[in-house]
Amino acid sequence: MTEERQEGMGGGRVAAEELRLLIERAERLEEEKRALGDDLKDVMAEAKGRGYDAKAIRRIMQIRKKKREEYQEEEAILETYMQALGML
């Protein structure tokens, strides 16, 4: 067996260098994801400090990701259910 290729757990061949590079790339992305999460947390703290409701901002962000029709359909179903339960 060479250093470059070793038998994997499934019995197949693994290119060690390629695998190492993929793992390192994934680790860097995880690190970036953590940093972005911290940045987002800071933005939400700033919004809260300025008197905005962070939950409302997060909800608006979710809505903005959807197509208008999709959002309207979800809201119509929600309203129907709430009326059926006597909540409106």
PDB file of N, CA and C in Angstrom:
ATOM      1  N   MET A   1       0.837  -1.189   0.000  1.00  0.00           N
ATOM      2  CA  MET A   1       0.000   0.000   0.000  1.00  0.00           C
ATOM      3  C   MET A   1       0.880   1.249   0.000  1.00  0.00           C
ATOM      4  N   THR A   2       0.486   2.196  -0.788  1.00  0.00           N
ATOM      5  CA  THR A   2       1.240   3.440  -0.825  1.00  0.00           C
ATOM      6  C   THR A   2       0.628   4.431   0.149  1.00  0.00           C
ATOM      7  N   GLU A   3       1.356   5.535   0.364  1.00  0.00           N
ATOM      8  CA  GLU A   3       0.846   6.592   1.239  1.00  0.00           C
ATOM      9  C   GLU A   3      -0.361   7.270   0.618  1.00  0.00           C
ATOM     10  N   GLU A   4      -0.344   7.406  -0.717  1.00  0.00           N
ATOM     11  CA  GLU A   4      -1.397   8.146  -1.404  1.00  0.00           C
ATOM     12  C   GLU A   4      -2.722   7.394  -1.369  1.00  0.00           C
ATOM     13  N   ARG A   5      -2.690   6.117  -1.502  1.00  0.00           N
ATOM     14  CA  ARG A   5      -3.945   5.352  -1.549  1.00  0.00           C
ATOM     15  C   ARG A   5      -3.895   4.247  -0.493  1.00  0.00           C
ATOM     16  N   GLN A   6      -4.908   4.292   0.339  1.00  0.00           N
ATOM     17  CA  GLN A   6      -5.023   3.258   1.353  1.00  0.00           C
ATOM     18  C   GLN A   6      -6.427   2.691   1.271  1.00  0.00           C
ATOM     19  N   GLU A   7      -6.584   1.488   1.758  1.00  0.00           N
ATOM     20  CA  GLU A   7      -7.891   0.860   1.713  1.00  0.00           C
ATOM     21  C   GLU A   7      -8.778   1.494   2.774  1.00  0.00           C
ATOM     22  N   GLY A   8      -9.962   1.915   2.356  1.00  0.00           N
ATOM     23  CA  GLY A   8     -10.906   2.539   3.265  1.00  0.00           C
ATOM     24  C   GLY A   8     -11.704   1.518   4.043  1.00  0.00           C
ATOM     25  N   MET A   9     -12.541   1.989   4.930  1.00  0.00           N
ATOM     26  CA  MET A   9     -13.345   1.110   5.772  1.00  0.00           C
ATOM     27  C   MET A   9     -14.292   0.256   4.937  1.00  0.00           C
ATOM     28  N   GLY A  10     -14.752   0.786   3.795  1.00  0.00           N
ATOM     29  CA  GLY A  10     -15.666   0.034   2.937  1.00  0.00           C
ATOM     30  C   GLY A  10     -14.937  -0.907   1.993  1.00  0.00           C
ATOM     31  N   GLY A  11     -13.622  -0.983   2.105  1.00  0.00           N
ATOM     32  CA  GLY A  11     -12.847  -1.876   1.255  1.00  0.00           C
ATOM     33  C   GLY A  11     -12.380  -1.218  -0.031  1.00  0.00           C
ATOM     34  N   GLY A  12     -12.885   0.000  -0.315  1.00  0.00           N
ATOM     35  CA  GLY A  12     -12.489   0.711  -1.532  1.00  0.00           C
ATOM     36  C   GLY A  12     -11.206   1.480  -1.316  1.00  0.00           C
ATOM     37  N   ARG A  13     -10.711   2.064  -2.384  1.00  0.00           N
ATOM     38  CA  ARG A  13      -9.480   2.856  -2.319  1.00  0.00           C
ATOM     39  C   ARG A  13      -9.825   4.310  -2.023  1.00  0.00           C
ATOM     40  N   VAL A  14      -9.010   4.954  -1.242  1.00  0.00           N
ATOM     41  CA  VAL A  14      -9.198   6.351  -0.867  1.00  0.00           C
ATOM     42  C   VAL A  14      -7.942   7.122  -1.244  1.00  0.00           C
ATOM     43  N   ALA A  15      -8.135   8.241  -1.935  1.00  0.00           N
ATOM     44  CA  ALA A  15      -7.009   9.115  -2.251  1.00  0.00           C
ATOM     45  C   ALA A  15      -6.803   9.999  -1.025  1.00  0.00           C
ATOM     46  N   ALA A  16      -5.783   9.723  -0.259  1.00  0.00           N
ATOM     47  CA  ALA A  16      -5.560  10.380   1.029  1.00  0.00           C
ATOM     48  C   ALA A  16      -5.443  11.892   0.895  1.00  0.00           C
ATOM     49  N   GLU A  17      -4.707  12.369  -0.111  1.00  0.00           N
ATOM     50  CA  GLU A  17      -4.504  13.804  -0.276  1.00  0.00           C
ATOM     51  C   GLU A  17      -5.820  14.503  -0.615  1.00  0.00           C
ATOM     52  N   GLU A  18      -6.570  13.905  -1.514  1.00  0.00           N
ATOM     53  CA  GLU A  18      -7.868  14.471  -1.893  1.00  0.00           C
ATOM     54  C   GLU A  18      -8.811  14.519  -0.690  1.00  0.00           C
ATOM     55  N   LEU A  19      -8.836  13.468   0.071  1.00  0.00           N
ATOM     56  CA  LEU A  19      -9.678  13.400   1.265  1.00  0.00           C
ATOM     57  C   LEU A  19      -9.270  14.456   2.272  1.00  0.00           C
ATOM     58  N   ARG A  20      -7.969  14.602   2.495  1.00  0.00           N
ATOM     59  CA  ARG A  20      -7.475  15.601   3.437  1.00  0.00           C
ATOM     60  C   ARG A  20      -7.895  17.007   3.008  1.00  0.00           C
ATOM     61  N   LEU A  21      -7.777  17.308   1.715  1.00  0.00           N
ATOM     62  CA  LEU A  21      -8.155  18.624   1.201  1.00  0.00           C
ATOM     63  C   LEU A  21      -9.653  18.889   1.369  1.00  0.00           C
ATOM     64  N   LEU A  22     -10.454  17.884   1.119  1.00  0.00           N
ATOM     65  CA  LEU A  22     -11.899  18.039   1.296  1.00  0.00           C
ATOM     66  C   LEU A  22     -12.253  18.308   2.758  1.00  0.00           C
ATOM     67  N   ILE A  23     -11.615  17.591   3.644  1.00  0.00           N
ATOM     68  CA  ILE A  23     -11.866  17.775   5.077  1.00  0.00           C
ATOM     69  C   ILE A  23     -11.427  19.165   5.521  1.00  0.00           C
ATOM     70  N   GLU A  24     -10.268  19.593   5.072  1.00  0.00           N
ATOM     71  CA  GLU A  24      -9.785  20.931   5.439  1.00  0.00           C
ATOM     72  C   GLU A  24     -10.709  22.019   4.911  1.00  0.00           C
ATOM     73  N   ARG A  25     -11.220  21.828   3.686  1.00  0.00           N
ATOM     74  CA  ARG A  25     -12.163  22.792   3.118  1.00  0.00           C
ATOM     75  C   ARG A  25     -13.440  22.850   3.947  1.00  0.00           C
ATOM     76  N   ALA A  26     -13.938  21.701   4.331  1.00  0.00           N
ATOM     77  CA  ALA A  26     -15.149  21.641   5.155  1.00  0.00           C
ATOM     78  C   ALA A  26     -14.919  22.305   6.514  1.00  0.00           C
ATOM     79  N   GLU A  27     -13.739  22.088   7.080  1.00  0.00           N
ATOM     80  CA  GLU A  27     -13.410  22.723   8.364  1.00  0.00           C
ATOM     81  C   GLU A  27     -13.369  24.241   8.246  1.00  0.00           C
ATOM     82  N   ARG A  28     -12.793  24.739   7.151  1.00  0.00           N
ATOM     83  CA  ARG A  28     -12.758  26.198   6.936  1.00  0.00           C
ATOM     84  C   ARG A  28     -14.165  26.759   6.797  1.00  0.00           C
ATOM     85  N   LEU A  29     -15.009  26.045   6.084  1.00  0.00           N
ATOM     86  CA  LEU A  29     -16.394  26.498   5.914  1.00  0.00           C
ATOM     87  C   LEU A  29     -17.146  26.505   7.242  1.00  0.00           C
ATOM     88  N   GLU A  30     -16.906  25.493   8.067  1.00  0.00           N
ATOM     89  CA  GLU A  30     -17.527  25.467   9.402  1.00  0.00           C
ATOM     90  C   GLU A  30     -17.084  26.674  10.213  1.00  0.00           C
ATOM     91  N   GLU A  31     -15.803  27.016  10.116  1.00  0.00           N
ATOM     92  CA  GLU A  31     -15.274  28.173  10.841  1.00  0.00           C
ATOM     93  C   GLU A  31     -15.930  29.460  10.338  1.00  0.00           C
ATOM     94  N   GLU A  32     -16.060  29.589   9.028  1.00  0.00           N
ATOM     95  CA  GLU A  32     -16.714  30.765   8.446  1.00  0.00           C
ATOM     96  C   GLU A  32     -18.180  30.839   8.873  1.00  0.00           C
ATOM     97  N   LYS A  33     -18.832  29.683   8.932  1.00  0.00           N
ATOM     98  CA  LYS A  33     -20.234  29.634   9.343  1.00  0.00           C
ATOM     99  C   LYS A  33     -20.391  30.122  10.783  1.00  0.00           C
ATOM    100  N   ARG A  34     -19.478  29.716  11.649  1.00  0.00           N
ATOM    101  CA  ARG A  34     -19.508  30.184  13.045  1.00  0.00           C
ATOM    102  C   ARG A  34     -19.317  31.696  13.113  1.00  0.00           C
ATOM    103  N   ALA A  35     -18.373  32.205  12.317  1.00  0.00           N
ATOM    104  CA  ALA A  35     -18.110  33.644  12.299  1.00  0.00           C
ATOM    105  C   ALA A  35     -19.335  34.404  11.796  1.00  0.00           C
ATOM    106  N   LEU A  36     -19.981  33.896  10.757  1.00  0.00           N
ATOM    107  CA  LEU A  36     -21.186  34.543  10.240  1.00  0.00           C
ATOM    108  C   LEU A  36     -22.314  34.500  11.270  1.00  0.00           C
ATOM    109  N   GLY A  37     -22.408  33.399  11.984  1.00  0.00           N
ATOM    110  CA  GLY A  37     -23.411  33.296  13.049  1.00  0.00           C
ATOM    111  C   GLY A  37     -23.179  34.337  14.123  1.00  0.00           C
ATOM    112  N   ASP A  38     -21.927  34.538  14.471  1.00  0.00           N
ATOM    113  CA  ASP A  38     -21.587  35.571  15.459  1.00  0.00           C
ATOM    114  C   ASP A  38     -21.936  36.956  14.934  1.00  0.00           C
ATOM    115  N   ASP A  39     -21.652  37.196  13.650  1.00  0.00           N
ATOM    116  CA  ASP A  39     -21.982  38.494  13.045  1.00  0.00           C
ATOM    117  C   ASP A  39     -23.486  38.732  13.057  1.00  0.00           C
ATOM    118  N   LEU A  40     -24.247  37.703  12.724  1.00  0.00           N
ATOM    119  CA  LEU A  40     -25.704  37.827  12.725  1.00  0.00           C
ATOM    120  C   LEU A  40     -26.228  38.107  14.131  1.00  0.00           C
ATOM    121  N   LYS A  41     -25.625  37.440  15.103  1.00  0.00           N
ATOM    122  CA  LYS A  41     -26.005  37.663  16.507  1.00  0.00           C
ATOM    123  C   LYS A  41     -25.743  39.121  16.891  1.00  0.00           C
ATOM    124  N   ASP A  42     -24.618  39.663  16.434  1.00  0.00           N
ATOM    125  CA  ASP A  42     -24.289  41.064  16.712  1.00  0.00           C
ATOM    126  C   ASP A  42     -25.305  42.013  16.086  1.00  0.00           C
ATOM    127  N   VAL A  43     -25.718  41.717  14.841  1.00  0.00           N
ATOM    128  CA  VAL A  43     -26.707  42.565  14.168  1.00  0.00           C
ATOM    129  C   VAL A  43     -28.028  42.533  14.929  1.00  0.00           C
ATOM    130  N   MET A  44     -28.425  41.359  15.376  1.00  0.00           N
ATOM    131  CA  MET A  44     -29.689  41.241  16.117  1.00  0.00           C
ATOM    132  C   MET A  44     -29.598  41.966  17.461  1.00  0.00           C
ATOM    133  N   ALA A  45     -28.449  41.902  18.103  1.00  0.00           N
ATOM    134  CA  ALA A  45     -28.257  42.623  19.361  1.00  0.00           C
ATOM    135  C   ALA A  45     -28.314  44.133  19.117  1.00  0.00           C
ATOM    136  N   GLU A  46     -27.738  44.580  18.019  1.00  0.00           N
ATOM    137  CA  GLU A  46     -27.787  45.997  17.670  1.00  0.00           C
ATOM    138  C   GLU A  46     -29.232  46.428  17.414  1.00  0.00           C
ATOM    139  N   ALA A  47     -29.978  45.609  16.673  1.00  0.00           N
ATOM    140  CA  ALA A  47     -31.377  45.923  16.393  1.00  0.00           C
ATOM    141  C   ALA A  47     -32.180  46.014  17.691  1.00  0.00           C
ATOM    142  N   LYS A  48     -31.947  45.062  18.575  1.00  0.00           N
ATOM    143  CA  LYS A  48     -32.638  45.063  19.861  1.00  0.00           C
ATOM    144  C   LYS A  48     -32.267  46.312  20.658  1.00  0.00           C
ATOM    145  N   GLY A  49     -31.000  46.671  20.635  1.00  0.00           N
ATOM    146  CA  GLY A  49     -30.533  47.855  21.337  1.00  0.00           C
ATOM    147  C   GLY A  49     -31.159  49.133  20.800  1.00  0.00           C
ATOM    148  N   ARG A  50     -31.571  49.108  19.542  1.00  0.00           N
ATOM    149  CA  ARG A  50     -32.208  50.276  18.934  1.00  0.00           C
ATOM    150  C   ARG A  50     -33.726  50.220  19.064  1.00  0.00           C
ATOM    151  N   GLY A  51     -34.224  49.198  19.789  1.00  0.00           N
ATOM    152  CA  GLY A  51     -35.655  49.122  20.062  1.00  0.00           C
ATOM    153  C   GLY A  51     -36.457  48.234  19.122  1.00  0.00           C
ATOM    154  N   TYR A  52     -35.790  47.535  18.213  1.00  0.00           N
ATOM    155  CA  TYR A  52     -36.501  46.638  17.298  1.00  0.00           C
ATOM    156  C   TYR A  52     -36.670  45.260  17.935  1.00  0.00           C
ATOM    157  N   ASP A  53     -37.676  44.542  17.488  1.00  0.00           N
ATOM    158  CA  ASP A  53     -37.951  43.192  17.980  1.00  0.00           C
ATOM    159  C   ASP A  53     -37.205  42.193  17.090  1.00  0.00           C
ATOM    160  N   ALA A  54     -36.254  41.478  17.670  1.00  0.00           N
ATOM    161  CA  ALA A  54     -35.428  40.538  16.904  1.00  0.00           C
ATOM    162  C   ALA A  54     -36.257  39.402  16.323  1.00  0.00           C
ATOM    163  N   LYS A  55     -37.272  38.924  17.053  1.00  0.00           N
ATOM    164  CA  LYS A  55     -38.125  37.847  16.530  1.00  0.00           C
ATOM    165  C   LYS A  55     -38.859  38.309  15.285  1.00  0.00           C
ATOM    166  N   ALA A  56     -39.347  39.538  15.309  1.00  0.00           N
ATOM    167  CA  ALA A  56     -40.056  40.075  14.139  1.00  0.00           C
ATOM    168  C   ALA A  56     -39.108  40.194  12.951  1.00  0.00           C
ATOM    169  N   ILE A  57     -37.891  40.634  13.203  1.00  0.00           N
ATOM    170  CA  ILE A  57     -36.909  40.751  12.118  1.00  0.00           C
ATOM    171  C   ILE A  57     -36.615  39.382  11.524  1.00  0.00           C
ATOM    172  N   ARG A  58     -36.436  38.379  12.369  1.00  0.00           N
ATOM    173  CA  ARG A  58     -36.170  37.020  11.872  1.00  0.00           C
ATOM    174  C   ARG A  58     -37.349  36.497  11.053  1.00  0.00           C
ATOM    175  N   ARG A  59     -38.571  36.792  11.514  1.00  0.00           N
ATOM    176  CA  ARG A  59     -39.774  36.367  10.792  1.00  0.00           C
ATOM    177  C   ARG A  59     -39.830  37.045   9.422  1.00  0.00           C
ATOM    178  N   ILE A  60     -39.536  38.335   9.379  1.00  0.00           N
ATOM    179  CA  ILE A  60     -39.528  39.056   8.104  1.00  0.00           C
ATOM    180  C   ILE A  60     -38.484  38.459   7.165  1.00  0.00           C
ATOM    181  N   MET A  61     -37.336  38.091   7.703  1.00  0.00           N
ATOM    182  CA  MET A  61     -36.297  37.478   6.874  1.00  0.00           C
ATOM    183  C   MET A  61     -36.797  36.164   6.279  1.00  0.00           C
ATOM    184  N   GLN A  62     -37.533  35.370   7.060  1.00  0.00           N
ATOM    185  CA  GLN A  62     -38.101  34.115   6.555  1.00  0.00           C
ATOM    186  C   GLN A  62     -39.107  34.384   5.440  1.00  0.00           C
ATOM    187  N   ILE A  63     -39.958  35.377   5.658  1.00  0.00           N
ATOM    188  CA  ILE A  63     -40.984  35.711   4.667  1.00  0.00           C
ATOM    189  C   ILE A  63     -40.340  36.176   3.367  1.00  0.00           C
ATOM    190  N   ARG A  64     -39.310  36.988   3.466  1.00  0.00           N
ATOM    191  CA  ARG A  64     -38.660  37.540   2.273  1.00  0.00           C
ATOM    192  C   ARG A  64     -37.993  36.465   1.421  1.00  0.00           C
ATOM    193  N   LYS A  65     -37.701  35.308   1.993  1.00  0.00           N
ATOM    194  CA  LYS A  65     -37.102  34.205   1.238  1.00  0.00           C
ATOM    195  C   LYS A  65     -38.137  33.499   0.351  1.00  0.00           C
ATOM    196  N   LYS A  66     -39.419  33.690   0.670  1.00  0.00           N
ATOM    197  CA  LYS A  66     -40.484  32.966  -0.028  1.00  0.00           C
ATOM    198  C   LYS A  66     -41.034  33.788  -1.193  1.00  0.00           C
ATOM    199  N   LYS A  67     -41.650  33.073  -2.126  1.00  0.00           N
ATOM    200  CA  LYS A  67     -42.374  33.744  -3.200  1.00  0.00           C
ATOM    201  C   LYS A  67     -43.645  34.325  -2.601  1.00  0.00           C
ATOM    202  N   ARG A  68     -44.088  35.440  -3.165  1.00  0.00           N
ATOM    203  CA  ARG A  68     -45.276  36.124  -2.662  1.00  0.00           C
ATOM    204  C   ARG A  68     -46.481  35.166  -2.589  1.00  0.00           C
ATOM    205  N   GLU A  69     -46.686  34.376  -3.628  1.00  0.00           N
ATOM    206  CA  GLU A  69     -47.834  33.457  -3.673  1.00  0.00           C
ATOM    207  C   GLU A  69     -47.742  32.412  -2.567  1.00  0.00           C
ATOM    208  N   GLU A  70     -46.543  31.908  -2.345  1.00  0.00           N
ATOM    209  CA  GLU A  70     -46.328  30.902  -1.309  1.00  0.00           C
ATOM    210  C   GLU A  70     -46.659  31.479   0.068  1.00  0.00           C
ATOM    211  N   TYR A  71     -46.186  32.693   0.319  1.00  0.00           N
ATOM    212  CA  TYR A  71     -46.458  33.341   1.599  1.00  0.00           C
ATOM    213  C   TYR A  71     -47.956  33.599   1.758  1.00  0.00           C
ATOM    214  N   GLN A  72     -48.607  34.109   0.721  1.00  0.00           N
ATOM    215  CA  GLN A  72     -50.027  34.411   0.809  1.00  0.00           C
ATOM    216  C   GLN A  72     -50.847  33.155   1.058  1.00  0.00           C
ATOM    217  N   GLU A  73     -50.476  32.057   0.429  1.00  0.00           N
ATOM    218  CA  GLU A  73     -51.176  30.797   0.639  1.00  0.00           C
ATOM    219  C   GLU A  73     -51.018  30.325   2.091  1.00  0.00           C
ATOM    220  N   GLU A  74     -49.796  30.408   2.620  1.00  0.00           N
ATOM    221  CA  GLU A  74     -49.556  30.008   4.009  1.00  0.00           C
ATOM    222  C   GLU A  74     -50.374  30.859   4.974  1.00  0.00           C
ATOM    223  N   GLU A  75     -50.407  32.168   4.721  1.00  0.00           N
ATOM    224  CA  GLU A  75     -51.162  33.076   5.589  1.00  0.00           C
ATOM    225  C   GLU A  75     -52.658  32.788   5.516  1.00  0.00           C
ATOM    226  N   ALA A  76     -53.179  32.473   4.319  1.00  0.00           N
ATOM    227  CA  ALA A  76     -54.598  32.165   4.159  1.00  0.00           C
ATOM    228  C   ALA A  76     -54.967  30.892   4.928  1.00  0.00           C
ATOM    229  N   ILE A  77     -54.114  29.890   4.851  1.00  0.00           N
ATOM    230  CA  ILE A  77     -54.364  28.639   5.578  1.00  0.00           C
ATOM    231  C   ILE A  77     -54.320  28.891   7.078  1.00  0.00           C
ATOM    232  N   LEU A  78     -53.329  29.655   7.514  1.00  0.00           N
ATOM    233  CA  LEU A  78     -53.209  29.980   8.933  1.00  0.00           C
ATOM    234  C   LEU A  78     -54.457  30.716   9.424  1.00  0.00           C
ATOM    235  N   GLU A  79     -54.913  31.684   8.654  1.00  0.00           N
ATOM    236  CA  GLU A  79     -56.102  32.444   9.037  1.00  0.00           C
ATOM    237  C   GLU A  79     -57.339  31.543   9.112  1.00  0.00           C
ATOM    238  N   THR A  80     -57.464  30.633   8.149  1.00  0.00           N
ATOM    239  CA  THR A  80     -58.582  29.684   8.154  1.00  0.00           C
ATOM    240  C   THR A  80     -58.567  28.829   9.415  1.00  0.00           C
ATOM    241  N   TYR A  81     -57.407  28.314   9.763  1.00  0.00           N
ATOM    242  CA  TYR A  81     -57.278  27.482  10.955  1.00  0.00           C
ATOM    243  C   TYR A  81     -57.573  28.274  12.226  1.00  0.00           C
ATOM    244  N   MET A  82     -57.067  29.490  12.286  1.00  0.00           N
ATOM    245  CA  MET A  82     -57.278  30.321  13.477  1.00  0.00           C
ATOM    246  C   MET A  82     -58.761  30.676  13.622  1.00  0.00           C
ATOM    247  N   GLN A  83     -59.448  30.934  12.512  1.00  0.00           N
ATOM    248  CA  GLN A  83     -60.884  31.201  12.577  1.00  0.00           C
ATOM    249  C   GLN A  83     -61.631  29.963  13.065  1.00  0.00           C
ATOM    250  N   ALA A  84     -61.238  28.802  12.574  1.00  0.00           N
ATOM    251  CA  ALA A  84     -61.882  27.551  12.986  1.00  0.00           C
ATOM    252  C   ALA A  84     -61.713  27.307  14.489  1.00  0.00           C
ATOM    253  N   LEU A  85     -60.612  27.787  15.047  1.00  0.00           N
ATOM    254  CA  LEU A  85     -60.338  27.598  16.477  1.00  0.00           C
ATOM    255  C   LEU A  85     -60.855  28.757  17.323  1.00  0.00           C
ATOM    256  N   GLY A  86     -61.506  29.720  16.668  1.00  0.00           N
ATOM    257  CA  GLY A  86     -62.051  30.868  17.395  1.00  0.00           C
ATOM    258  C   GLY A  86     -60.982  31.819  17.901  1.00  0.00           C
ATOM    259  N   MET A  87     -59.863  31.857  17.221  1.00  0.00           N
ATOM    260  CA  MET A  87     -58.751  32.710  17.658  1.00  0.00           C
ATOM    261  C   MET A  87     -58.796  34.089  16.997  1.00  0.00           C
ATOM    262  N   LEU A  88     -59.673  34.258  15.993  1.00  0.00           N
ATOM    263  CA  LEU A  88     -59.794  35.552  15.303  1.00  0.00           C
ATOM    264  C   LEU A  88     -61.182  36.121  15.525  1.00  0.00           C
TER     265      LEU A  88
END
